[in-house]
Protein backbone atom coordinates (compact mmCIF):
# COMPACT_ATOMS: atom_id res chain seq x y z
CA UNK A 1 0.00 0.00 0.00
CA UNK A 2 1.36 3.43 -0.94
CA UNK A 3 1.58 6.23 1.62
CA UNK A 4 -0.99 9.01 1.15
CA UNK A 5 0.06 11.79 -1.19
CA UNK A 6 0.78 15.10 0.46
CA UNK A 7 0.04 18.48 -1.11
CA UNK A 8 3.33 20.34 -0.64
CA UNK A 9 1.52 23.70 -0.64
CA UNK A 10 -0.35 23.00 2.60
CA UNK A 11 0.55 22.18 6.16
CA UNK A 12 0.62 18.60 7.36
CA UNK A 13 0.13 17.57 10.97
CA UNK A 14 1.64 14.10 10.74
CA UNK A 15 0.88 12.30 14.02
CA UNK A 16 0.75 15.60 15.96
CA UNK A 17 -2.19 15.93 18.32
CA UNK A 18 -1.57 19.60 19.11
CA UNK A 19 -1.26 22.62 16.81
CA UNK A 20 0.06 26.00 17.98
CA UNK A 21 -1.30 29.07 16.17
CA UNK A 22 1.13 32.00 16.26
CA UNK A 23 0.77 35.51 14.81
CA UNK A 24 3.82 37.19 13.32
CA UNK A 25 3.04 40.81 12.47
CA UNK A 26 5.12 43.24 10.44
CA UNK A 27 5.34 46.79 11.77
CA UNK A 28 3.66 49.32 9.44
CA UNK A 29 6.54 51.76 10.01
CA UNK A 30 9.05 52.68 7.33
CA UNK A 31 11.56 50.19 8.74
CA UNK A 32 9.02 47.32 8.51
CA UNK A 33 10.45 45.27 11.34
CA UNK A 34 8.90 42.01 12.48
CA UNK A 35 7.16 42.34 15.84
CA UNK A 36 7.53 39.66 18.51
CA UNK A 37 5.40 36.57 17.72
CA UNK A 38 2.10 36.36 19.63
CA UNK A 39 0.53 33.08 20.71
CA UNK A 40 -3.05 32.99 19.43
CA UNK A 41 -4.42 29.57 20.28
CA UNK A 42 -3.68 25.90 20.87
CA UNK A 43 -5.75 23.37 18.95
CA UNK A 44 -6.02 19.77 20.12
CA UNK A 45 -9.18 18.61 18.32
CA UNK A 46 -10.34 19.02 14.73
CA UNK A 47 -13.56 20.94 14.10
CA UNK A 48 -13.53 22.46 17.59
CA UNK A 49 -13.42 26.25 17.82
CA UNK A 50 -10.80 27.88 20.03
CA UNK A 51 -11.22 31.49 21.16
CA UNK A 52 -8.53 34.01 20.27
CA UNK A 53 -7.72 36.10 23.35
CA UNK A 54 -9.38 39.52 23.30
CA UNK A 55 -6.49 40.90 25.38
CA UNK A 56 -4.01 40.80 22.48
CA UNK A 57 -2.43 44.10 21.55
CA UNK A 58 -2.61 44.08 17.73
CA UNK A 59 -1.50 46.71 15.21
CA UNK A 60 -4.09 49.02 13.61
CA UNK A 61 -2.57 48.57 10.16
CA UNK A 62 -0.04 46.45 8.38
CA UNK A 63 0.37 42.80 7.52
CA UNK A 64 1.60 39.58 8.96
CA UNK A 65 1.18 35.83 9.01
CA UNK A 66 -0.52 33.27 11.18
CA UNK A 67 1.42 30.03 11.43
CA UNK A 68 -0.23 26.77 12.45
CA UNK A 69 2.61 24.62 13.77
CA UNK A 70 2.22 20.90 14.52
CA UNK A 71 3.77 19.84 17.84
CA UNK A 72 5.70 16.56 17.75
CA UNK A 73 4.35 15.71 14.32
CA UNK A 74 7.43 13.84 13.17
CA UNK A 75 9.79 14.52 10.30
CA UNK A 76 7.02 14.89 7.69
CA UNK A 77 4.97 17.45 9.65
CA UNK A 78 5.10 21.07 8.51
CA UNK A 79 3.41 24.33 9.36
CA UNK A 80 0.65 25.96 7.36
CA UNK A 81 1.07 29.73 7.05
CA UNK A 82 -1.72 32.19 6.20
CA UNK A 83 -1.24 35.85 5.27
CA UNK A 84 -3.23 38.40 7.31
CA UNK A 85 -3.91 42.12 6.91
CA UNK A 86 -4.75 44.46 9.80
CA UNK A 87 -7.42 47.13 9.32
CA UNK A 88 -8.46 49.79 11.79
CA UNK A 89 -12.15 49.56 12.66
CA UNK A 90 -11.94 53.10 14.07
CA UNK A 91 -11.27 54.53 10.61
CA UNK A 92 -14.84 53.81 9.49
CA UNK A 93 -16.04 52.07 6.37
C-alpha atoms as a PDB file:
ATOM      1  CA  UNK A   1       0.000   0.000   0.000  1.00  0.00           C
ATOM      2  CA  UNK A   2       1.362   3.426  -0.944  1.00  0.00           C
ATOM      3  CA  UNK A   3       1.581   6.230   1.621  1.00  0.00           C
ATOM      4  CA  UNK A   4      -0.986   9.013   1.148  1.00  0.00           C
ATOM      5  CA  UNK A   5       0.062  11.787  -1.188  1.00  0.00           C
ATOM      6  CA  UNK A   6       0.781  15.101   0.463  1.00  0.00           C
ATOM      7  CA  UNK A   7       0.044  18.482  -1.114  1.00  0.00           C
ATOM      8  CA  UNK A   8       3.334  20.341  -0.637  1.00  0.00           C
ATOM      9  CA  UNK A   9       1.517  23.704  -0.644  1.00  0.00           C
ATOM     10  CA  UNK A  10      -0.350  22.997   2.597  1.00  0.00           C
ATOM     11  CA  UNK A  11       0.552  22.184   6.157  1.00  0.00           C
ATOM     12  CA  UNK A  12       0.618  18.598   7.357  1.00  0.00           C
ATOM     13  CA  UNK A  13       0.135  17.565  10.972  1.00  0.00           C
ATOM     14  CA  UNK A  14       1.640  14.099  10.742  1.00  0.00           C
ATOM     15  CA  UNK A  15       0.883  12.296  14.022  1.00  0.00           C
ATOM     16  CA  UNK A  16       0.755  15.596  15.965  1.00  0.00           C
ATOM     17  CA  UNK A  17      -2.193  15.933  18.319  1.00  0.00           C
ATOM     18  CA  UNK A  18      -1.569  19.598  19.109  1.00  0.00           C
ATOM     19  CA  UNK A  19      -1.261  22.622  16.807  1.00  0.00           C
ATOM     20  CA  UNK A  20       0.058  26.000  17.982  1.00  0.00           C
ATOM     21  CA  UNK A  21      -1.299  29.073  16.170  1.00  0.00           C
ATOM     22  CA  UNK A  22       1.129  32.002  16.258  1.00  0.00           C
ATOM     23  CA  UNK A  23       0.769  35.509  14.807  1.00  0.00           C
ATOM     24  CA  UNK A  24       3.817  37.191  13.323  1.00  0.00           C
ATOM     25  CA  UNK A  25       3.037  40.809  12.473  1.00  0.00           C
ATOM     26  CA  UNK A  26       5.124  43.238  10.443  1.00  0.00           C
ATOM     27  CA  UNK A  27       5.343  46.789  11.775  1.00  0.00           C
ATOM     28  CA  UNK A  28       3.658  49.316   9.444  1.00  0.00           C
ATOM     29  CA  UNK A  29       6.540  51.756  10.009  1.00  0.00           C
ATOM     30  CA  UNK A  30       9.052  52.683   7.332  1.00  0.00           C
ATOM     31  CA  UNK A  31      11.562  50.190   8.744  1.00  0.00           C
ATOM     32  CA  UNK A  32       9.025  47.322   8.511  1.00  0.00           C
ATOM     33  CA  UNK A  33      10.455  45.271  11.340  1.00  0.00           C
ATOM     34  CA  UNK A  34       8.905  42.006  12.484  1.00  0.00           C
ATOM     35  CA  UNK A  35       7.165  42.343  15.839  1.00  0.00           C
ATOM     36  CA  UNK A  36       7.527  39.656  18.507  1.00  0.00           C
ATOM     37  CA  UNK A  37       5.405  36.570  17.723  1.00  0.00           C
ATOM     38  CA  UNK A  38       2.102  36.360  19.627  1.00  0.00           C
ATOM     39  CA  UNK A  39       0.529  33.079  20.710  1.00  0.00           C
ATOM     40  CA  UNK A  40      -3.054  32.994  19.435  1.00  0.00           C
ATOM     41  CA  UNK A  41      -4.419  29.566  20.275  1.00  0.00           C
ATOM     42  CA  UNK A  42      -3.676  25.901  20.867  1.00  0.00           C
ATOM     43  CA  UNK A  43      -5.752  23.368  18.947  1.00  0.00           C
ATOM     44  CA  UNK A  44      -6.018  19.773  20.118  1.00  0.00           C
ATOM     45  CA  UNK A  45      -9.176  18.610  18.319  1.00  0.00           C
ATOM     46  CA  UNK A  46     -10.344  19.020  14.727  1.00  0.00           C
ATOM     47  CA  UNK A  47     -13.560  20.944  14.105  1.00  0.00           C
ATOM     48  CA  UNK A  48     -13.528  22.461  17.593  1.00  0.00           C
ATOM     49  CA  UNK A  49     -13.417  26.252  17.819  1.00  0.00           C
ATOM     50  CA  UNK A  50     -10.803  27.879  20.029  1.00  0.00           C
ATOM     51  CA  UNK A  51     -11.215  31.487  21.165  1.00  0.00           C
ATOM     52  CA  UNK A  52      -8.527  34.008  20.270  1.00  0.00           C
ATOM     53  CA  UNK A  53      -7.723  36.103  23.353  1.00  0.00           C
ATOM     54  CA  UNK A  54      -9.382  39.524  23.300  1.00  0.00           C
ATOM     55  CA  UNK A  55      -6.494  40.901  25.384  1.00  0.00           C
ATOM     56  CA  UNK A  56      -4.012  40.798  22.477  1.00  0.00           C
ATOM     57  CA  UNK A  57      -2.428  44.096  21.549  1.00  0.00           C
ATOM     58  CA  UNK A  58      -2.610  44.080  17.731  1.00  0.00           C
ATOM     59  CA  UNK A  59      -1.499  46.710  15.206  1.00  0.00           C
ATOM     60  CA  UNK A  60      -4.089  49.016  13.614  1.00  0.00           C
ATOM     61  CA  UNK A  61      -2.568  48.575  10.163  1.00  0.00           C
ATOM     62  CA  UNK A  62      -0.044  46.451   8.376  1.00  0.00           C
ATOM     63  CA  UNK A  63       0.371  42.798   7.521  1.00  0.00           C
ATOM     64  CA  UNK A  64       1.604  39.575   8.956  1.00  0.00           C
ATOM     65  CA  UNK A  65       1.184  35.832   9.011  1.00  0.00           C
ATOM     66  CA  UNK A  66      -0.515  33.267  11.183  1.00  0.00           C
ATOM     67  CA  UNK A  67       1.420  30.027  11.431  1.00  0.00           C
ATOM     68  CA  UNK A  68      -0.233  26.766  12.445  1.00  0.00           C
ATOM     69  CA  UNK A  69       2.613  24.622  13.773  1.00  0.00           C
ATOM     70  CA  UNK A  70       2.216  20.903  14.525  1.00  0.00           C
ATOM     71  CA  UNK A  71       3.770  19.841  17.838  1.00  0.00           C
ATOM     72  CA  UNK A  72       5.697  16.564  17.751  1.00  0.00           C
ATOM     73  CA  UNK A  73       4.350  15.707  14.318  1.00  0.00           C
ATOM     74  CA  UNK A  74       7.432  13.840  13.170  1.00  0.00           C
ATOM     75  CA  UNK A  75       9.790  14.517  10.299  1.00  0.00           C
ATOM     76  CA  UNK A  76       7.022  14.888   7.693  1.00  0.00           C
ATOM     77  CA  UNK A  77       4.973  17.455   9.648  1.00  0.00           C
ATOM     78  CA  UNK A  78       5.101  21.067   8.512  1.00  0.00           C
ATOM     79  CA  UNK A  79       3.409  24.328   9.359  1.00  0.00           C
ATOM     80  CA  UNK A  80       0.646  25.961   7.361  1.00  0.00           C
ATOM     81  CA  UNK A  81       1.075  29.730   7.045  1.00  0.00           C
ATOM     82  CA  UNK A  82      -1.718  32.186   6.200  1.00  0.00           C
ATOM     83  CA  UNK A  83      -1.242  35.847   5.266  1.00  0.00           C
ATOM     84  CA  UNK A  84      -3.230  38.402   7.310  1.00  0.00           C
ATOM     85  CA  UNK A  85      -3.907  42.124   6.909  1.00  0.00           C
ATOM     86  CA  UNK A  86      -4.750  44.456   9.801  1.00  0.00           C
ATOM     87  CA  UNK A  87      -7.420  47.128   9.319  1.00  0.00           C
ATOM     88  CA  UNK A  88      -8.464  49.788  11.792  1.00  0.00           C
ATOM     89  CA  UNK A  89     -12.151  49.563  12.662  1.00  0.00           C
ATOM     90  CA  UNK A  90     -11.941  53.102  14.069  1.00  0.00           C
ATOM     91  CA  UNK A  91     -11.269  54.533  10.612  1.00  0.00           C
ATOM     92  CA  UNK A  92     -14.836  53.812   9.490  1.00  0.00           C
ATOM     93  CA  UNK A  93     -16.035  52.069   6.369  1.00  0.00           C
END
